[in-house]
Amino acid sequence: MKRTAALILLLASSVAVSLPATAQRENRSIGENGQEARKAAKQQRKTVNRNAKRQRKAMKRYQKAQRKSAKQQQRRRK
């Protein structure tokens, strides 16, 4: 009986200790939120730049294929 009571108290105290840590994490200071915002903005810029680069490369491939096709059409006409 004493063992189960001790175990229950131990579990309750461990849960009570872990709750303030999560609550404290949610109440961050303004500086930390600013840092996270800058980090998220940087990640967003990197993603946008990466996608823009892929789009430019795809456009270059398309234009190259168009030029090649035009050359082949001119050769066939001769």
PDB file of N, CA and C in Angstrom:
ATOM      1  N   MET A   1       0.826  -1.188   0.000  1.00  0.00           N
ATOM      2  CA  MET A   1       0.000   0.000   0.000  1.00  0.00           C
ATOM      3  C   MET A   1       0.874   1.258   0.000  1.00  0.00           C
ATOM      4  N   LYS A   2       1.905   1.242   0.819  1.00  0.00           N
ATOM      5  CA  LYS A   2       2.789   2.395   0.887  1.00  0.00           C
ATOM      6  C   LYS A   2       3.553   2.550  -0.429  1.00  0.00           C
ATOM      7  N   ARG A   3       3.864   1.441  -1.060  1.00  0.00           N
ATOM      8  CA  ARG A   3       4.589   1.499  -2.330  1.00  0.00           C
ATOM      9  C   ARG A   3       3.734   2.150  -3.411  1.00  0.00           C
ATOM     10  N   THR A   4       2.468   1.755  -3.496  1.00  0.00           N
ATOM     11  CA  THR A   4       1.600   2.333  -4.519  1.00  0.00           C
ATOM     12  C   THR A   4       1.372   3.820  -4.260  1.00  0.00           C
ATOM     13  N   ALA A   5       1.233   4.189  -2.987  1.00  0.00           N
ATOM     14  CA  ALA A   5       1.056   5.605  -2.659  1.00  0.00           C
ATOM     15  C   ALA A   5       2.300   6.394  -3.039  1.00  0.00           C
ATOM     16  N   ALA A   6       3.467   5.844  -2.789  1.00  0.00           N
ATOM     17  CA  ALA A   6       4.716   6.510  -3.143  1.00  0.00           C
ATOM     18  C   ALA A   6       4.846   6.623  -4.666  1.00  0.00           C
ATOM     19  N   LEU A   7       4.449   5.568  -5.361  1.00  0.00           N
ATOM     20  CA  LEU A   7       4.509   5.582  -6.822  1.00  0.00           C
ATOM     21  C   LEU A   7       3.563   6.639  -7.403  1.00  0.00           C
ATOM     22  N   ILE A   8       2.366   6.716  -6.846  1.00  0.00           N
ATOM     23  CA  ILE A   8       1.400   7.711  -7.310  1.00  0.00           C
ATOM     24  C   ILE A   8       1.918   9.120  -7.049  1.00  0.00           C
ATOM     25  N   LEU A   9       2.493   9.354  -5.886  1.00  0.00           N
ATOM     26  CA  LEU A   9       3.058  10.675  -5.587  1.00  0.00           C
ATOM     27  C   LEU A   9       4.221  11.009  -6.524  1.00  0.00           C
ATOM     28  N   LEU A  10       5.029  10.024  -6.799  1.00  0.00           N
ATOM     29  CA  LEU A  10       6.153  10.235  -7.700  1.00  0.00           C
ATOM     30  C   LEU A  10       5.667  10.599  -9.108  1.00  0.00           C
ATOM     31  N   LEU A  11       4.675   9.877  -9.609  1.00  0.00           N
ATOM     32  CA  LEU A  11       4.126  10.180 -10.931  1.00  0.00           C
ATOM     33  C   LEU A  11       3.470  11.561 -10.959  1.00  0.00           C
ATOM     34  N   ALA A  12       2.731  11.892  -9.911  1.00  0.00           N
ATOM     35  CA  ALA A  12       2.069  13.192  -9.864  1.00  0.00           C
ATOM     36  C   ALA A  12       3.093  14.329  -9.831  1.00  0.00           C
ATOM     37  N   SER A  13       4.164  14.135  -9.087  1.00  0.00           N
ATOM     38  CA  SER A  13       5.171  15.195  -9.010  1.00  0.00           C
ATOM     39  C   SER A  13       5.919  15.344 -10.334  1.00  0.00           C
ATOM     40  N   SER A  14       6.149  14.238 -11.033  1.00  0.00           N
ATOM     41  CA  SER A  14       6.841  14.329 -12.316  1.00  0.00           C
ATOM     42  C   SER A  14       5.967  15.038 -13.346  1.00  0.00           C
ATOM     43  N   VAL A  15       4.670  14.790 -13.305  1.00  0.00           N
ATOM     44  CA  VAL A  15       3.760  15.476 -14.224  1.00  0.00           C
ATOM     45  C   VAL A  15       3.700  16.958 -13.869  1.00  0.00           C
ATOM     46  N   ALA A  16       3.661  17.273 -12.585  1.00  0.00           N
ATOM     47  CA  ALA A  16       3.587  18.664 -12.145  1.00  0.00           C
ATOM     48  C   ALA A  16       4.854  19.427 -12.530  1.00  0.00           C
ATOM     49  N   VAL A  17       5.989  18.774 -12.508  1.00  0.00           N
ATOM     50  CA  VAL A  17       7.255  19.431 -12.865  1.00  0.00           C
ATOM     51  C   VAL A  17       7.318  19.671 -14.370  1.00  0.00           C
ATOM     52  N   SER A  18       6.781  18.758 -15.171  1.00  0.00           N
ATOM     53  CA  SER A  18       6.877  18.905 -16.616  1.00  0.00           C
ATOM     54  C   SER A  18       5.896  19.936 -17.163  1.00  0.00           C
ATOM     55  N   LEU A  19       4.803  20.206 -16.509  1.00  0.00           N
ATOM     56  CA  LEU A  19       3.828  21.176 -17.006  1.00  0.00           C
ATOM     57  C   LEU A  19       4.364  22.602 -17.074  1.00  0.00           C
ATOM     58  N   PRO A  20       5.022  23.123 -16.071  1.00  0.00           N
ATOM     59  CA  PRO A  20       5.519  24.501 -16.190  1.00  0.00           C
ATOM     60  C   PRO A  20       6.542  24.671 -17.317  1.00  0.00           C
ATOM     61  N   ALA A  21       7.276  23.638 -17.629  1.00  0.00           N
ATOM     62  CA  ALA A  21       8.263  23.751 -18.703  1.00  0.00           C
ATOM     63  C   ALA A  21       7.572  23.982 -20.040  1.00  0.00           C
ATOM     64  N   THR A  22       6.482  23.285 -20.295  1.00  0.00           N
ATOM     65  CA  THR A  22       5.778  23.487 -21.561  1.00  0.00           C
ATOM     66  C   THR A  22       5.064  24.824 -21.569  1.00  0.00           C
ATOM     67  N   ALA A  23       4.510  25.234 -20.439  1.00  0.00           N
ATOM     68  CA  ALA A  23       3.838  26.526 -20.378  1.00  0.00           C
ATOM     69  C   ALA A  23       4.850  27.656 -20.564  1.00  0.00           C
ATOM     70  N   GLN A  24       6.018  27.496 -20.013  1.00  0.00           N
ATOM     71  CA  GLN A  24       7.050  28.524 -20.147  1.00  0.00           C
ATOM     72  C   GLN A  24       7.501  28.623 -21.606  1.00  0.00           C
ATOM     73  N   ARG A  25       7.541  27.518 -22.288  1.00  0.00           N
ATOM     74  CA  ARG A  25       7.971  27.528 -23.680  1.00  0.00           C
ATOM     75  C   ARG A  25       6.982  28.300 -24.554  1.00  0.00           C
ATOM     76  N   GLU A  26       5.705  28.205 -24.235  1.00  0.00           N
ATOM     77  CA  GLU A  26       4.708  28.911 -25.029  1.00  0.00           C
ATOM     78  C   GLU A  26       4.772  30.420 -24.793  1.00  0.00           C
ATOM     79  N   ASN A  27       5.126  30.842 -23.594  1.00  0.00           N
ATOM     80  CA  ASN A  27       5.215  32.261 -23.281  1.00  0.00           C
ATOM     81  C   ASN A  27       6.634  32.749 -23.531  1.00  0.00           C
ATOM     82  N   ARG A  28       6.993  32.840 -24.786  1.00  0.00           N
ATOM     83  CA  ARG A  28       8.347  33.248 -25.146  1.00  0.00           C
ATOM     84  C   ARG A  28       8.458  34.756 -25.119  1.00  0.00           C
ATOM     85  N   SER A  29       9.677  35.193 -25.002  1.00  0.00           N
ATOM     86  CA  SER A  29       9.902  36.636 -25.023  1.00  0.00           C
ATOM     87  C   SER A  29       9.794  37.144 -26.455  1.00  0.00           C
ATOM     88  N   ILE A  30       9.706  38.444 -26.591  1.00  0.00           N
ATOM     89  CA  ILE A  30       9.538  39.057 -27.910  1.00  0.00           C
ATOM     90  C   ILE A  30      10.760  38.793 -28.770  1.00  0.00           C
ATOM     91  N   GLY A  31      11.926  38.819 -28.173  1.00  0.00           N
ATOM     92  CA  GLY A  31      13.151  38.586 -28.934  1.00  0.00           C
ATOM     93  C   GLY A  31      13.200  37.208 -29.549  1.00  0.00           C
ATOM     94  N   GLU A  32      12.760  36.216 -28.814  1.00  0.00           N
ATOM     95  CA  GLU A  32      12.776  34.858 -29.354  1.00  0.00           C
ATOM     96  C   GLU A  32      11.786  34.717 -30.498  1.00  0.00           C
ATOM     97  N   ASN A  33      10.632  35.353 -30.366  1.00  0.00           N
ATOM     98  CA  ASN A  33       9.662  35.300 -31.452  1.00  0.00           C
ATOM     99  C   ASN A  33      10.204  36.009 -32.684  1.00  0.00           C
ATOM    100  N   GLY A  34      10.932  37.104 -32.474  1.00  0.00           N
ATOM    101  CA  GLY A  34      11.536  37.813 -33.598  1.00  0.00           C
ATOM    102  C   GLY A  34      12.579  36.962 -34.294  1.00  0.00           C
ATOM    103  N   GLN A  35      13.353  36.246 -33.508  1.00  0.00           N
ATOM    104  CA  GLN A  35      14.370  35.374 -34.091  1.00  0.00           C
ATOM    105  C   GLN A  35      13.707  34.278 -34.916  1.00  0.00           C
ATOM    106  N   GLU A  36      12.643  33.702 -34.375  1.00  0.00           N
ATOM    107  CA  GLU A  36      11.942  32.655 -35.117  1.00  0.00           C
ATOM    108  C   GLU A  36      11.320  33.207 -36.388  1.00  0.00           C
ATOM    109  N   ALA A  37      10.808  34.433 -36.305  1.00  0.00           N
ATOM    110  CA  ALA A  37      10.212  35.047 -37.488  1.00  0.00           C
ATOM    111  C   ALA A  37      11.268  35.280 -38.562  1.00  0.00           C
ATOM    112  N   ARG A  38      12.442  35.765 -38.153  1.00  0.00           N
ATOM    113  CA  ARG A  38      13.522  35.978 -39.129  1.00  0.00           C
ATOM    114  C   ARG A  38      13.979  34.655 -39.728  1.00  0.00           C
ATOM    115  N   LYS A  39      14.065  33.636 -38.900  1.00  0.00           N
ATOM    116  CA  LYS A  39      14.488  32.325 -39.398  1.00  0.00           C
ATOM    117  C   LYS A  39      13.472  31.774 -40.396  1.00  0.00           C
ATOM    118  N   ALA A  40      12.185  31.934 -40.080  1.00  0.00           N
ATOM    119  CA  ALA A  40      11.140  31.469 -40.988  1.00  0.00           C
ATOM    120  C   ALA A  40      11.148  32.276 -42.281  1.00  0.00           C
ATOM    121  N   ALA A  41      11.385  33.579 -42.186  1.00  0.00           N
ATOM    122  CA  ALA A  41      11.444  34.423 -43.385  1.00  0.00           C
ATOM    123  C   ALA A  41      12.630  34.033 -44.255  1.00  0.00           C
ATOM    124  N   LYS A  42      13.747  33.739 -43.622  1.00  0.00           N
ATOM    125  CA  LYS A  42      14.930  33.324 -44.384  1.00  0.00           C
ATOM    126  C   LYS A  42      14.664  32.006 -45.102  1.00  0.00           C
ATOM    127  N   GLN A  43      14.030  31.085 -44.406  1.00  0.00           N
ATOM    128  CA  GLN A  43      13.707  29.794 -45.022  1.00  0.00           C
ATOM    129  C   GLN A  43      12.753  29.998 -46.199  1.00  0.00           C
ATOM    130  N   GLN A  44      11.790  30.893 -46.029  1.00  0.00           N
ATOM    131  CA  GLN A  44      10.846  31.183 -47.106  1.00  0.00           C
ATOM    132  C   GLN A  44      11.558  31.778 -48.311  1.00  0.00           C
ATOM    133  N   ARG A  45      12.490  32.723 -48.065  1.00  0.00           N
ATOM    134  CA  ARG A  45      13.253  33.321 -49.172  1.00  0.00           C
ATOM    135  C   ARG A  45      14.056  32.261 -49.904  1.00  0.00           C
ATOM    136  N   LYS A  46      14.687  31.371 -49.146  1.00  0.00           N
ATOM    137  CA  LYS A  46      15.484  30.322 -49.774  1.00  0.00           C
ATOM    138  C   LYS A  46      14.609  29.428 -50.650  1.00  0.00           C
ATOM    139  N   THR A  47      13.429  29.105 -50.160  1.00  0.00           N
ATOM    140  CA  THR A  47      12.518  28.261 -50.933  1.00  0.00           C
ATOM    141  C   THR A  47      12.068  28.963 -52.201  1.00  0.00           C
ATOM    142  N   VAL A  48      11.736  30.244 -52.075  1.00  0.00           N
ATOM    143  CA  VAL A  48      11.292  31.014 -53.245  1.00  0.00           C
ATOM    144  C   VAL A  48      12.418  31.115 -54.266  1.00  0.00           C
ATOM    145  N   ASN A  49      13.627  31.405 -53.788  1.00  0.00           N
ATOM    146  CA  ASN A  49      14.772  31.510 -54.704  1.00  0.00           C
ATOM    147  C   ASN A  49      15.061  30.184 -55.381  1.00  0.00           C
ATOM    148  N   ARG A  50      14.956  29.093 -54.644  1.00  0.00           N
ATOM    149  CA  ARG A  50      15.213  27.777 -55.219  1.00  0.00           C
ATOM    150  C   ARG A  50      14.188  27.462 -56.305  1.00  0.00           C
ATOM    151  N   ASN A  51      12.921  27.773 -56.023  1.00  0.00           N
ATOM    152  CA  ASN A  51      11.883  27.515 -57.021  1.00  0.00           C
ATOM    153  C   ASN A  51      12.044  28.419 -58.239  1.00  0.00           C
ATOM    154  N   ALA A  52      12.461  29.662 -58.022  1.00  0.00           N
ATOM    155  CA  ALA A  52      12.682  30.581 -59.146  1.00  0.00           C
ATOM    156  C   ALA A  52      13.830  30.075 -60.017  1.00  0.00           C
ATOM    157  N   LYS A  53      14.876  29.562 -59.380  1.00  0.00           N
ATOM    158  CA  LYS A  53      16.008  29.036 -60.143  1.00  0.00           C
ATOM    159  C   LYS A  53      15.570  27.834 -60.981  1.00  0.00           C
ATOM    160  N   ARG A  54      14.778  26.963 -60.400  1.00  0.00           N
ATOM    161  CA  ARG A  54      14.280  25.816 -61.160  1.00  0.00           C
ATOM    162  C   ARG A  54      13.437  26.262 -62.335  1.00  0.00           C
ATOM    163  N   GLN A  55      12.619  27.298 -62.108  1.00  0.00           N
ATOM    164  CA  GLN A  55      11.776  27.817 -63.186  1.00  0.00           C
ATOM    165  C   GLN A  55      12.625  28.419 -64.303  1.00  0.00           C
ATOM    166  N   ARG A  56      13.677  29.167 -63.940  1.00  0.00           N
ATOM    167  CA  ARG A  56      14.560  29.743 -64.962  1.00  0.00           C
ATOM    168  C   ARG A  56      15.239  28.648 -65.778  1.00  0.00           C
ATOM    169  N   LYS A  57      15.701  27.608 -65.095  1.00  0.00           N
ATOM    170  CA  LYS A  57      16.369  26.522 -65.804  1.00  0.00           C
ATOM    171  C   LYS A  57      15.403  25.807 -66.739  1.00  0.00           C
ATOM    172  N   ALA A  58      14.176  25.617 -66.278  1.00  0.00           N
ATOM    173  CA  ALA A  58      13.178  24.971 -67.129  1.00  0.00           C
ATOM    174  C   ALA A  58      12.878  25.832 -68.354  1.00  0.00           C
ATOM    175  N   MET A  59      12.815  27.155 -68.160  1.00  0.00           N
ATOM    176  CA  MET A  59      12.558  28.061 -69.272  1.00  0.00           C
ATOM    177  C   MET A  59      13.715  28.011 -70.279  1.00  0.00           C
ATOM    178  N   LYS A  60      14.947  27.961 -69.784  1.00  0.00           N
ATOM    179  CA  LYS A  60      16.093  27.866 -70.685  1.00  0.00           C
ATOM    180  C   LYS A  60      16.045  26.569 -71.487  1.00  0.00           C
ATOM    181  N   ARG A  61      15.703  25.467 -70.834  1.00  0.00           N
ATOM    182  CA  ARG A  61      15.599  24.191 -71.559  1.00  0.00           C
ATOM    183  C   ARG A  61      14.520  24.260 -72.631  1.00  0.00           C
ATOM    184  N   TYR A  62      13.398  24.884 -72.287  1.00  0.00           N
ATOM    185  CA  TYR A  62      12.302  25.015 -73.242  1.00  0.00           C
ATOM    186  C   TYR A  62      12.728  25.857 -74.446  1.00  0.00           C
ATOM    187  N   GLN A  63      13.389  26.987 -74.185  1.00  0.00           N
ATOM    188  CA  GLN A  63      13.841  27.855 -75.275  1.00  0.00           C
ATOM    189  C   GLN A  63      14.869  27.157 -76.146  1.00  0.00           C
ATOM    190  N   LYS A  64      15.741  26.393 -75.516  1.00  0.00           N
ATOM    191  CA  LYS A  64      16.743  25.664 -76.282  1.00  0.00           C
ATOM    192  C   LYS A  64      16.075  24.629 -77.186  1.00  0.00           C
ATOM    193  N   ALA A  65      15.080  23.952 -76.650  1.00  0.00           N
ATOM    194  CA  ALA A  65      14.358  22.968 -77.454  1.00  0.00           C
ATOM    195  C   ALA A  65      13.624  23.643 -78.612  1.00  0.00           C
ATOM    196  N   GLN A  66      13.083  24.836 -78.360  1.00  0.00           N
ATOM    197  CA  GLN A  66      12.395  25.561 -79.424  1.00  0.00           C
ATOM    198  C   GLN A  66      13.364  25.961 -80.534  1.00  0.00           C
ATOM    199  N   ARG A  67      14.549  26.442 -80.160  1.00  0.00           N
ATOM    200  CA  ARG A  67      15.556  26.820 -81.159  1.00  0.00           C
ATOM    201  C   ARG A  67      15.980  25.595 -81.975  1.00  0.00           C
ATOM    202  N   LYS A  68      16.173  24.492 -81.292  1.00  0.00           N
ATOM    203  CA  LYS A  68      16.587  23.270 -81.968  1.00  0.00           C
ATOM    204  C   LYS A  68      15.509  22.804 -82.948  1.00  0.00           C
ATOM    205  N   SER A  69      14.266  22.888 -82.513  1.00  0.00           N
ATOM    206  CA  SER A  69      13.161  22.491 -83.376  1.00  0.00           C
ATOM    207  C   SER A  69      13.062  23.407 -84.597  1.00  0.00           C
ATOM    208  N   ALA A  70      13.282  24.712 -84.392  1.00  0.00           N
ATOM    209  CA  ALA A  70      13.237  25.661 -85.505  1.00  0.00           C
ATOM    210  C   ALA A  70      14.346  25.371 -86.506  1.00  0.00           C
ATOM    211  N   LYS A  71      15.522  25.038 -86.003  1.00  0.00           N
ATOM    212  CA  LYS A  71      16.624  24.696 -86.909  1.00  0.00           C
ATOM    213  C   LYS A  71      16.294  23.464 -87.733  1.00  0.00           C
ATOM    214  N   GLN A  72      15.709  22.471 -87.097  1.00  0.00           N
ATOM    215  CA  GLN A  72      15.360  21.244 -87.813  1.00  0.00           C
ATOM    216  C   GLN A  72      14.301  21.516 -88.876  1.00  0.00           C
ATOM    217  N   GLN A  73      13.361  22.410 -88.570  1.00  0.00           N
ATOM    218  CA  GLN A  73      12.339  22.765 -89.553  1.00  0.00           C
ATOM    219  C   GLN A  73      12.967  23.454 -90.762  1.00  0.00           C
ATOM    220  N   GLN A  74      13.947  24.324 -90.522  1.00  0.00           N
ATOM    221  CA  GLN A  74      14.603  25.022 -91.632  1.00  0.00           C
ATOM    222  C   GLN A  74      15.384  24.043 -92.484  1.00  0.00           C
ATOM    223  N   ARG A  75      16.016  23.070 -91.874  1.00  0.00           N
ATOM    224  CA  ARG A  75      16.806  22.087 -92.640  1.00  0.00           C
ATOM    225  C   ARG A  75      15.884  21.221 -93.490  1.00  0.00           C
ATOM    226  N   ARG A  76      14.706  20.920 -92.989  1.00  0.00           N
ATOM    227  CA  ARG A  76      13.780  20.078 -93.746  1.00  0.00           C
ATOM    228  C   ARG A  76      13.235  20.807 -94.976  1.00  0.00           C
ATOM    229  N   ARG A  77      13.098  22.111 -94.861  1.00  0.00           N
ATOM    230  CA  ARG A  77      12.570  22.893 -95.985  1.00  0.00           C
ATOM    231  C   ARG A  77      13.558  22.969 -97.133  1.00  0.00           C
ATOM    232  N   LYS A  78      14.830  22.869 -96.877  1.00  0.00           N
ATOM    233  CA  LYS A  78      15.852  23.005 -97.928  1.00  0.00           C
ATOM    234  C   LYS A  78      15.943  21.799 -98.798  1.00  0.00           C
TER     235      LYS A  78
END
